[in-house]
């Protein structure tokens, strides 16, 4: 038997849904095109589906499908046997295919039915066949290849027919052999570590989130955190761990130890970055290069109490304990840090003292000799001190150099009057990430959750999370003040 694009039957499919989350949103329309043998041609089928939940206004305006149109349509349960029969034993083809595939699998799973198939994404196919092109959306394919449609755009059968036209255009441009070769590469099963079932990879979504690799702990359970990562496309990023370099160095050790993969979907890249930071701090996975298992995580700051007059000495106090920002704000002087523990704080100060020729005796880090009116510090003799200890350098100048050299370490004040929020996600499924005093308080899905979040005890200040928050605030296009 001869097939036009690939030596197996294809089903080209598109879904319309109530939203972007397969776990909670539902299908409103199914459209599919069967690609049969050259002699049999194609067959089309479509049906509206009652999602048993309201269709958000944004989705109604996008697809043209409203609640009234689906009120008398069959539910997915009523169509499930027919749909499954139309999908069986065919390569599943869609634009952004994991979206449609995951939605269908979730619908079948709710009914206790299993559906698996080889999946071909025509976005990936377009990128492989036309690598010099920048855009690969369905609208971009319509413009690039002059595709024509007669139904309504963003309706299921119309979009499925456009996929068929794209395949025809690709064969015409590049030849059937090149298209066949590209499809073969894209649907080939990935090479996986010995203990990972291909079904797990099949379940991974093509959405933003965090993934966790687990190994075997001392009790023989697959519960030891090995690696935590985040990405805008979970499935693609996880598969990258098992690519060409999976047999080398740390990647090989990680693959050999891997026993289980978990993941958590998020609203977008911001949510995944914040959750990744939280999990790194809590789980401390041993294969993450940024995590040092035995490092002292107690936060320390240097407090510099400025003198009332230029002739007074500076007092420098080390605070070697983890402090909420509220307590730090009540200190008497300027704060610099925080640092990961007393050792790191001391190392930073030592570098500044040596590099600037500051006097350890004046700073209170070295005691003066007893019974001497003028007591030179130990560094004065070898030229590492400019002589503030013996009056050779005015204390005012010494103090100014100290403050200037510490300036880049100054603990930044929270620039807002109180907590703030940054929204993320599509219009119909937005969430808000809430921050205060360089601490990530959490995520809320509605205004009703906000009061409870703000009334709960704040999480402990974390240096790495604070750095991430600073970076994200610079990138945020809109920040909502929550006071």
Protein backbone atom coordinates (compact mmCIF):
# COMPACT_ATOMS: atom_id res chain seq x y z
CA UNK A 1 0.00 0.00 0.00
CA UNK A 2 1.24 3.48 -0.82
CA UNK A 3 0.65 6.47 1.46
CA UNK A 4 1.26 10.09 0.38
CA UNK A 5 3.42 11.35 3.28
CA UNK A 6 4.60 8.42 5.38
CA UNK A 7 4.38 4.62 5.07
CA UNK A 8 1.62 4.44 7.69
CA UNK A 9 -1.89 5.91 8.01
CA UNK A 10 -2.08 9.35 9.61
CA UNK A 11 -4.85 11.11 11.49
CA UNK A 12 -4.59 14.90 11.33
CA UNK A 13 -6.44 16.38 14.30
CA UNK A 14 -7.33 19.66 15.90
CA UNK A 15 -9.25 20.40 19.10
CA UNK A 16 -11.00 23.44 20.44
CA UNK A 17 -11.12 23.63 24.23
CA UNK A 18 -12.33 25.77 27.13
CA UNK A 19 -8.76 26.71 28.06
CA UNK A 20 -5.12 25.69 28.10
CA UNK A 21 -5.00 23.26 31.05
CA UNK A 22 -5.76 19.64 30.15
CA UNK A 23 -6.27 18.72 33.81
CA UNK A 24 -9.17 21.14 34.32
CA UNK A 25 -10.32 22.42 30.92
CA UNK A 26 -12.40 20.38 28.49
CA UNK A 27 -12.85 19.81 24.76
CA UNK A 28 -15.52 21.77 22.85
CA UNK A 29 -14.88 20.52 19.30
CA UNK A 30 -12.99 17.75 17.51
CA UNK A 31 -12.00 17.83 13.84
CA UNK A 32 -9.92 15.20 12.09
CA UNK A 33 -8.74 14.17 8.64
CA UNK A 34 -7.82 10.56 7.89
CA UNK A 35 -4.94 10.26 5.44
CA UNK A 36 -5.36 6.85 3.83
CA UNK A 37 -3.65 5.17 0.90
CA UNK A 38 -3.23 7.06 -2.35
CA UNK A 39 -6.13 5.14 -3.83
CA UNK A 40 -8.44 5.71 -0.84
CA UNK A 41 -7.69 9.42 -0.37
CA UNK A 42 -8.78 11.27 2.77
CA UNK A 43 -11.83 11.20 5.04
CA UNK A 44 -13.04 14.03 7.28
CA UNK A 45 -15.03 14.06 10.51
CA UNK A 46 -15.90 16.72 13.09
CA UNK A 47 -18.22 17.16 16.04
CA UNK A 48 -19.01 19.77 18.66
CA UNK A 49 -18.60 18.51 22.23
CA UNK A 50 -20.47 19.61 25.34
CA UNK A 51 -17.67 20.42 27.83
CA UNK A 52 -20.06 20.43 30.81
CA UNK A 53 -18.52 23.71 31.94
CA UNK A 54 -18.83 27.35 30.79
CA UNK A 55 -16.71 28.53 27.87
CA UNK A 56 -14.76 31.67 28.90
CA UNK A 57 -15.57 34.84 26.89
CA UNK A 58 -12.01 35.05 25.52
CA UNK A 59 -12.28 31.51 24.11
CA UNK A 60 -15.72 32.24 22.67
CA UNK A 61 -14.34 35.25 20.80
CA UNK A 62 -11.31 33.25 19.58
CA UNK A 63 -13.13 30.15 18.31
CA UNK A 64 -16.65 31.42 17.72
CA UNK A 65 -17.98 28.52 19.82
CA UNK A 66 -20.30 29.62 22.61
CA UNK A 67 -22.25 27.90 25.35
CA UNK A 68 -25.46 27.81 23.32
CA UNK A 69 -23.76 25.99 20.42
CA UNK A 70 -22.57 23.12 22.63
CA UNK A 71 -25.60 22.91 24.92
CA UNK A 72 -27.20 20.09 22.90
CA UNK A 73 -23.95 18.55 21.65
CA UNK A 74 -22.88 15.10 22.91
CA UNK A 75 -20.41 14.90 25.79
CA UNK A 76 -16.99 13.41 25.19
CA UNK A 77 -18.14 10.29 27.05
CA UNK A 78 -20.85 9.79 24.44
CA UNK A 79 -18.30 10.15 21.61
CA UNK A 80 -15.36 8.35 23.22
CA UNK A 81 -15.73 4.94 21.55
CA UNK A 82 -16.19 6.50 18.11
CA UNK A 83 -13.23 8.89 18.56
CA UNK A 84 -10.95 6.14 19.85
CA UNK A 85 -11.76 3.95 16.85
CA UNK A 86 -10.86 6.82 14.51
CA UNK A 87 -7.49 7.33 16.25
CA UNK A 88 -6.36 3.73 16.70
CA UNK A 89 -3.40 2.41 14.70
CA UNK A 90 -2.59 5.79 13.16
CA UNK A 91 0.18 8.32 13.63
CA UNK A 92 -1.32 11.22 15.59
CA UNK A 93 -0.58 14.52 13.80
CA UNK A 94 -1.41 18.00 15.09
CA UNK A 95 0.00 21.52 15.28
CA UNK A 96 1.50 21.87 18.78
CA UNK A 97 0.60 18.20 18.98
CA UNK A 98 1.29 17.59 22.68
CA UNK A 99 -1.53 20.01 23.54
CA UNK A 100 -4.16 18.07 21.60
CA UNK A 101 -2.68 14.70 22.52
CA UNK A 102 -2.62 15.46 26.25
CA UNK A 103 -6.20 16.80 26.18
CA UNK A 104 -7.47 13.64 24.49
CA UNK A 105 -5.53 11.33 26.78
CA UNK A 106 -6.96 13.13 29.83
CA UNK A 107 -10.50 12.83 28.46
CA UNK A 108 -10.04 9.10 27.86
CA UNK A 109 -8.40 8.68 31.27
CA UNK A 110 -11.43 10.18 33.00
CA UNK A 111 -13.47 7.39 31.43
CA UNK A 112 -11.01 4.66 32.38
CA UNK A 113 -9.84 4.29 28.78
CA UNK A 114 -6.23 4.19 27.56
CA UNK A 115 -4.98 5.94 24.45
CA UNK A 116 -1.39 6.06 23.23
CA UNK A 117 -0.02 6.79 19.79
CA UNK A 118 3.07 7.90 17.91
CA UNK A 119 2.85 11.68 17.86
CA UNK A 120 3.98 14.06 15.11
CA UNK A 121 3.96 17.80 15.77
CA UNK A 122 3.76 19.85 12.58
CA UNK A 123 5.37 22.82 14.35
CA UNK A 124 8.48 20.65 14.84
CA UNK A 125 8.13 19.28 11.31
CA UNK A 126 8.04 22.80 9.88
CA UNK A 127 11.16 23.73 11.85
CA UNK A 128 13.00 20.67 10.60
CA UNK A 129 11.96 21.06 6.97
CA UNK A 130 12.30 24.87 6.86
CA UNK A 131 15.08 25.72 9.36
CA UNK A 132 15.70 29.17 7.88
CA UNK A 133 12.15 30.31 8.63
CA UNK A 134 11.55 32.19 11.88
CA UNK A 135 7.82 31.57 12.41
CA UNK A 136 6.03 28.22 12.36
CA UNK A 137 2.54 28.96 13.67
CA UNK A 138 -0.41 27.83 11.59
CA UNK A 139 -0.97 31.43 10.49
CA UNK A 140 2.70 31.57 9.41
CA UNK A 141 2.26 28.36 7.37
CA UNK A 142 -0.84 29.80 5.71
CA UNK A 143 1.12 32.89 4.63
CA UNK A 144 4.30 31.02 3.66
CA UNK A 145 2.67 28.28 1.57
CA UNK A 146 -0.46 30.08 0.37
CA UNK A 147 -2.77 27.64 2.18
CA UNK A 148 -6.48 28.23 1.68
CA UNK A 149 -9.41 27.58 3.98
CA UNK A 150 -13.12 28.00 3.46
CA UNK A 151 -14.45 27.38 6.99
CA UNK A 152 -13.89 29.55 10.05
CA UNK A 153 -10.33 29.88 11.30
CA UNK A 154 -9.77 28.40 14.78
CA UNK A 155 -12.43 25.79 14.17
CA UNK A 156 -11.27 22.20 14.54
CA UNK A 157 -11.89 20.76 11.08
CA UNK A 158 -10.67 23.90 9.32
CA UNK A 159 -7.34 23.72 11.15
CA UNK A 160 -7.00 19.96 10.56
CA UNK A 161 -7.51 20.54 6.82
CA UNK A 162 -4.80 23.24 6.89
CA UNK A 163 -2.36 20.68 8.34
CA UNK A 164 -3.14 18.41 5.37
CA UNK A 165 -2.46 21.27 2.96
CA UNK A 166 0.87 21.98 4.70
CA UNK A 167 1.98 18.37 4.23
CA UNK A 168 1.03 18.58 0.55
CA UNK A 169 3.01 21.82 0.16
CA UNK A 170 6.06 20.32 1.88
CA UNK A 171 6.05 17.29 -0.43
CA UNK A 172 5.73 19.58 -3.44
CA UNK A 173 8.63 21.77 -2.21
CA UNK A 174 11.03 19.14 -0.92
CA UNK A 175 9.86 15.77 -2.19
CA UNK A 176 8.14 12.85 -0.46
CA UNK A 177 11.43 11.23 0.58
CA UNK A 178 12.58 14.30 2.56
CA UNK A 179 9.20 14.63 4.31
CA UNK A 180 9.19 10.92 5.09
CA UNK A 181 12.71 11.14 6.54
CA UNK A 182 11.82 14.15 8.73
CA UNK A 183 8.67 12.46 10.09
CA UNK A 184 10.69 9.33 10.85
CA UNK A 185 13.20 11.35 12.89
CA UNK A 186 10.51 13.19 14.83
CA UNK A 187 8.42 10.18 15.87
CA UNK A 188 11.35 7.87 16.65
CA UNK A 189 11.17 6.78 20.32
CA UNK A 190 13.80 8.48 22.51
CA UNK A 191 16.67 6.53 24.05
CA UNK A 192 15.87 6.35 27.75
CA UNK A 193 17.70 5.23 30.91
CA UNK A 194 17.11 1.59 31.80
CA UNK A 195 14.64 2.22 34.63
CA UNK A 196 12.45 4.83 32.88
CA UNK A 197 9.34 3.63 31.05
CA UNK A 198 8.56 5.29 27.72
CA UNK A 199 5.01 5.85 29.03
CA UNK A 200 6.38 8.34 31.57
CA UNK A 201 7.94 10.43 28.81
CA UNK A 202 4.70 10.18 26.84
CA UNK A 203 2.86 11.68 29.82
CA UNK A 204 5.18 14.70 30.12
CA UNK A 205 3.42 17.89 28.95
CA UNK A 206 4.84 20.45 26.53
CA UNK A 207 4.10 23.21 29.04
CA UNK A 208 6.09 25.27 31.54
CA UNK A 209 6.96 23.69 34.84
CA UNK A 210 9.50 22.01 37.09
CA UNK A 211 10.74 18.42 36.88
CA UNK A 212 12.39 16.34 39.59
CA UNK A 213 14.62 13.30 39.01
CA UNK A 214 14.67 10.77 41.84
CA UNK A 215 17.06 7.92 42.57
CA UNK A 216 17.08 5.04 45.00
CA UNK A 217 17.52 5.95 48.67
CA UNK A 218 19.08 3.79 51.38
CA UNK A 219 15.75 2.08 52.07
CA UNK A 220 15.49 1.03 48.44
CA UNK A 221 12.72 3.51 47.59
CA UNK A 222 12.87 5.83 44.58
CA UNK A 223 12.78 8.92 46.78
CA UNK A 224 16.28 10.43 46.76
CA UNK A 225 16.23 13.82 44.95
CA UNK A 226 18.88 13.78 42.23
CA UNK A 227 18.15 16.80 40.06
CA UNK A 228 15.65 19.66 39.83
CA UNK A 229 15.16 21.71 36.66
CA UNK A 230 12.63 23.99 35.01
CA UNK A 231 11.70 24.87 31.45
CA UNK A 232 8.97 26.36 29.32
CA UNK A 233 8.61 22.92 27.69
CA UNK A 234 8.93 20.11 30.25
CA UNK A 235 8.93 17.19 27.83
CA UNK A 236 11.55 18.68 25.51
CA UNK A 237 13.87 19.62 28.40
CA UNK A 238 13.65 16.21 30.08
CA UNK A 239 14.44 14.47 26.80
CA UNK A 240 17.52 16.67 26.40
CA UNK A 241 18.99 14.91 29.45
CA UNK A 242 18.98 11.67 27.44
CA UNK A 243 20.45 13.05 24.22
CA UNK A 244 23.86 12.64 22.63
CA UNK A 245 25.82 13.62 25.75
CA UNK A 246 23.86 11.36 28.13
CA UNK A 247 26.73 8.85 28.17
CA UNK A 248 29.36 11.34 29.33
CA UNK A 249 30.48 12.58 32.76
CA UNK A 250 27.85 13.72 35.24
CA UNK A 251 25.05 13.15 32.71
CA UNK A 252 25.94 9.47 32.56
CA UNK A 253 26.02 9.18 36.36
CA UNK A 254 22.65 10.91 36.61
CA UNK A 255 21.07 8.65 33.97
CA UNK A 256 22.42 5.53 35.72
CA UNK A 257 21.03 6.62 39.10
CA UNK A 258 17.63 7.76 37.77
CA UNK A 259 14.61 5.72 38.92
CA UNK A 260 11.64 8.10 38.83
CA UNK A 261 10.58 11.39 37.20
CA UNK A 262 8.01 13.76 38.71
CA UNK A 263 6.89 17.13 37.42
CA UNK A 264 4.72 20.10 38.36
CA UNK A 265 3.15 22.31 35.69
CA UNK A 266 3.19 26.08 36.26
CA UNK A 267 1.49 29.11 34.76
CA UNK A 268 4.64 30.15 32.89
CA UNK A 269 8.39 30.76 33.09
CA UNK A 270 8.16 32.98 36.18
CA UNK A 271 6.22 30.36 38.10
CA UNK A 272 8.64 27.61 37.09
CA UNK A 273 11.72 29.69 38.08
CA UNK A 274 10.25 30.47 41.51
CA UNK A 275 9.16 26.90 42.17
CA UNK A 276 12.54 25.56 41.03
CA UNK A 277 14.28 27.84 43.52
CA UNK A 278 12.00 26.64 46.33
CA UNK A 279 12.57 22.98 45.50
CA UNK A 280 16.35 23.40 45.23
CA UNK A 281 16.41 24.87 48.73
CA UNK A 282 14.09 22.22 50.19
CA UNK A 283 15.27 19.05 48.38
CA UNK A 284 18.98 19.87 47.88
CA UNK A 285 19.40 17.42 44.96
CA UNK A 286 22.96 16.16 44.68
CA UNK A 287 23.39 16.54 40.89
CA UNK A 288 22.49 20.24 40.74
CA UNK A 289 25.81 22.10 40.39
CA UNK A 290 24.49 25.19 42.19
CA UNK A 291 23.55 23.25 45.31
CA UNK A 292 26.26 22.62 47.88
CA UNK A 293 24.97 19.97 50.27
CA UNK A 294 27.10 20.94 53.30
CA UNK A 295 27.29 24.71 52.93
CA UNK A 296 26.23 26.82 55.89
CA UNK A 297 22.97 28.36 54.74
CA UNK A 298 22.63 30.67 57.78
CA UNK A 299 22.30 34.20 56.46
CA UNK A 300 24.78 36.74 57.89
CA UNK A 301 25.09 40.48 57.41
CA UNK A 302 27.70 43.06 58.27
CA UNK A 303 26.28 45.98 60.18
CA UNK A 304 28.28 49.24 60.01
CA UNK A 305 27.22 51.77 62.61
CA UNK A 306 28.27 55.17 61.34
CA UNK A 307 29.85 57.38 64.03
CA UNK A 308 28.26 60.56 65.24
CA UNK A 309 31.46 62.47 64.40
CA UNK A 310 34.38 61.92 62.09
CA UNK A 311 36.74 61.36 64.99
CA UNK A 312 34.86 58.34 66.35
CA UNK A 313 35.77 54.83 65.35
CA UNK A 314 33.58 52.67 63.21
CA UNK A 315 31.94 49.70 64.83
CA UNK A 316 31.54 46.65 62.60
CA UNK A 317 29.31 43.91 63.90
CA UNK A 318 28.85 40.45 62.41
CA UNK A 319 25.37 38.96 62.78
CA UNK A 320 25.86 35.24 62.13
CA UNK A 321 22.24 34.12 62.12
CA UNK A 322 19.32 33.85 59.78
CA UNK A 323 17.18 36.96 60.17
CA UNK A 324 13.82 37.89 58.69
CA UNK A 325 14.06 41.21 56.90
CA UNK A 326 11.82 42.75 59.55
CA UNK A 327 14.48 42.16 62.22
CA UNK A 328 17.31 43.28 59.96
CA UNK A 329 15.45 46.53 59.34
CA UNK A 330 15.57 47.28 63.10
CA UNK A 331 19.37 47.22 63.24
CA UNK A 332 21.19 50.42 64.28
CA UNK A 333 23.38 50.92 61.22
CA UNK A 334 23.78 50.19 57.53
CA UNK A 335 23.51 46.53 56.52
CA UNK A 336 25.64 44.78 53.93
CA UNK A 337 24.95 41.30 52.62
CA UNK A 338 23.40 38.91 53.27
CA UNK A 339 26.09 36.28 52.93
CA UNK A 340 25.89 32.50 53.18
CA UNK A 341 27.13 32.15 56.72
CA UNK A 342 29.77 33.79 58.90
CA UNK A 343 32.66 32.34 56.91
CA UNK A 344 31.59 33.91 53.61
CA UNK A 345 30.88 37.22 55.35
CA UNK A 346 34.34 37.15 56.96
CA UNK A 347 36.01 36.31 53.65
CA UNK A 348 34.34 39.28 51.93
CA UNK A 349 35.45 41.63 54.70
CA UNK A 350 39.01 40.25 54.63
CA UNK A 351 39.24 40.88 50.87
CA UNK A 352 38.02 44.45 51.31
CA UNK A 353 40.37 45.15 54.23
CA UNK A 354 43.40 43.84 52.34
CA UNK A 355 42.49 45.36 48.98
CA UNK A 356 41.78 48.83 50.42
CA UNK A 357 44.59 48.91 53.02
CA UNK A 358 42.10 49.25 55.86
CA UNK A 359 43.12 48.86 59.48
CA UNK A 360 41.87 45.76 61.27
CA UNK A 361 42.53 47.39 64.62
CA UNK A 362 40.35 50.40 63.84
CA UNK A 363 37.65 48.08 62.56
CA UNK A 364 37.65 46.20 65.85
CA UNK A 365 38.93 43.00 64.26
CA UNK A 366 42.30 43.16 66.06
CA UNK A 367 42.94 44.24 69.65
CA UNK A 368 45.51 47.03 70.30
CA UNK A 369 48.58 46.25 72.39
CA UNK A 370 48.16 46.90 76.06
CA UNK A 371 49.78 49.87 77.80
CA UNK A 372 50.59 51.68 74.53
CA UNK A 373 49.13 55.07 73.75
CA UNK A 374 49.60 54.47 70.01
CA UNK A 375 49.44 50.84 68.98
CA UNK A 376 50.31 50.01 65.36
CA UNK A 377 48.38 47.09 63.87
CA UNK A 378 50.19 44.01 62.62
CA UNK A 379 49.59 44.95 58.96
CA UNK A 380 51.19 48.39 59.22
CA UNK A 381 54.76 47.06 59.07
CA UNK A 382 54.32 45.31 55.72
CA UNK A 383 52.39 48.20 54.15
CA UNK A 384 48.94 46.56 54.11
CA UNK A 385 47.52 49.26 56.40
CA UNK A 386 47.63 52.95 55.53
CA UNK A 387 48.15 53.94 59.15
CA UNK A 388 44.75 54.83 60.59
CA UNK A 389 45.79 52.98 63.75
CA UNK A 390 48.68 55.41 64.39
CA UNK A 391 46.98 58.58 63.13
CA UNK A 392 48.78 58.57 59.77
CA UNK A 393 45.42 58.42 57.93
CA UNK A 394 42.43 60.47 59.17
CA UNK A 395 39.59 58.27 60.45
CA UNK A 396 37.16 60.20 58.26
CA UNK A 397 39.06 59.08 55.15
CA UNK A 398 39.38 55.51 56.46
CA UNK A 399 35.65 55.44 57.16
CA UNK A 400 34.80 56.80 53.71
CA UNK A 401 36.93 54.16 51.99
CA UNK A 402 35.29 51.43 54.04
CA UNK A 403 31.76 52.54 53.14
CA UNK A 404 32.68 53.01 49.48
CA UNK A 405 34.21 49.54 49.20
CA UNK A 406 31.18 47.96 50.88
CA UNK A 407 28.68 49.88 48.75
CA UNK A 408 28.12 47.09 46.20
CA UNK A 409 27.17 44.72 49.05
CA UNK A 410 24.57 47.05 50.57
CA UNK A 411 21.37 45.26 51.46
CA UNK A 412 18.74 46.71 49.16
CA UNK A 413 15.65 48.21 50.73
CA UNK A 414 12.34 46.79 49.55
CA UNK A 415 11.28 49.43 47.01
CA UNK A 416 7.53 49.18 47.68
CA UNK A 417 5.25 50.18 50.54
CA UNK A 418 4.18 46.57 51.04
CA UNK A 419 3.47 43.34 49.16
CA UNK A 420 3.24 43.30 45.37
CA UNK A 421 1.83 40.90 42.77
CA UNK A 422 2.87 39.89 39.25
CA UNK A 423 0.26 38.12 37.12
CA UNK A 424 1.13 35.33 34.73
CA UNK A 425 -0.67 32.97 32.39
CA UNK A 426 -3.33 33.22 29.68
CA UNK A 427 -6.29 35.53 30.24
CA UNK A 428 -8.63 32.66 31.11
CA UNK A 429 -6.23 31.04 33.61
CA UNK A 430 -4.17 33.81 35.17
CA UNK A 431 -2.45 33.48 38.53
CA UNK A 432 -0.69 36.05 40.69
CA UNK A 433 2.75 35.61 42.26
CA UNK A 434 3.01 37.58 45.52
CA UNK A 435 6.23 39.08 46.97
CA UNK A 436 7.19 41.19 49.97
CA UNK A 437 10.56 42.19 51.52
CA UNK A 438 12.48 40.12 48.93
CA UNK A 439 10.53 37.00 49.94
CA UNK A 440 8.27 34.95 47.65
CA UNK A 441 5.03 34.46 49.54
CA UNK A 442 3.36 32.16 47.02
CA UNK A 443 0.84 32.04 44.18
CA UNK A 444 -2.88 32.81 44.31
CA UNK A 445 -5.53 31.90 41.77
CA UNK A 446 -8.19 34.39 42.90
CA UNK A 447 -8.61 37.49 45.03
CA UNK A 448 -10.22 35.35 47.72
CA UNK A 449 -6.91 33.54 48.31
CA UNK A 450 -4.86 36.72 48.72
CA UNK A 451 -5.94 37.71 52.24
CA UNK A 452 -5.15 34.24 53.58
CA UNK A 453 -1.70 34.26 51.96
CA UNK A 454 -0.79 37.69 53.35
CA UNK A 455 -1.95 36.76 56.86
CA UNK A 456 0.22 33.62 57.01
CA UNK A 457 3.76 33.72 58.47
CA UNK A 458 6.32 34.80 55.89
CA UNK A 459 8.83 32.23 54.64
CA UNK A 460 12.42 32.63 55.81
CA UNK A 461 14.58 35.02 53.82
CA UNK A 462 16.65 33.13 51.24
CA UNK A 463 19.60 34.74 49.49
CA UNK A 464 19.17 32.94 46.17
CA UNK A 465 15.44 33.60 46.09
CA UNK A 466 16.05 37.29 46.82
CA UNK A 467 18.48 37.48 43.88
CA UNK A 468 15.91 35.79 41.64
CA UNK A 469 13.20 38.22 42.75
CA UNK A 470 15.44 41.22 41.99
CA UNK A 471 16.06 39.84 38.51
CA UNK A 472 12.38 39.12 37.84
CA UNK A 473 11.25 42.57 39.04
CA UNK A 474 13.52 44.16 36.46
CA UNK A 475 11.87 42.09 33.71
CA UNK A 476 8.26 42.48 34.87
CA UNK A 477 6.13 44.56 32.52
CA UNK A 478 3.45 45.25 35.14
CA UNK A 479 3.59 45.13 38.94
CA UNK A 480 0.48 45.42 41.09
CA UNK A 481 0.81 47.09 44.50
CA UNK A 482 -1.28 45.11 47.02
CA UNK A 483 -1.53 47.63 49.88
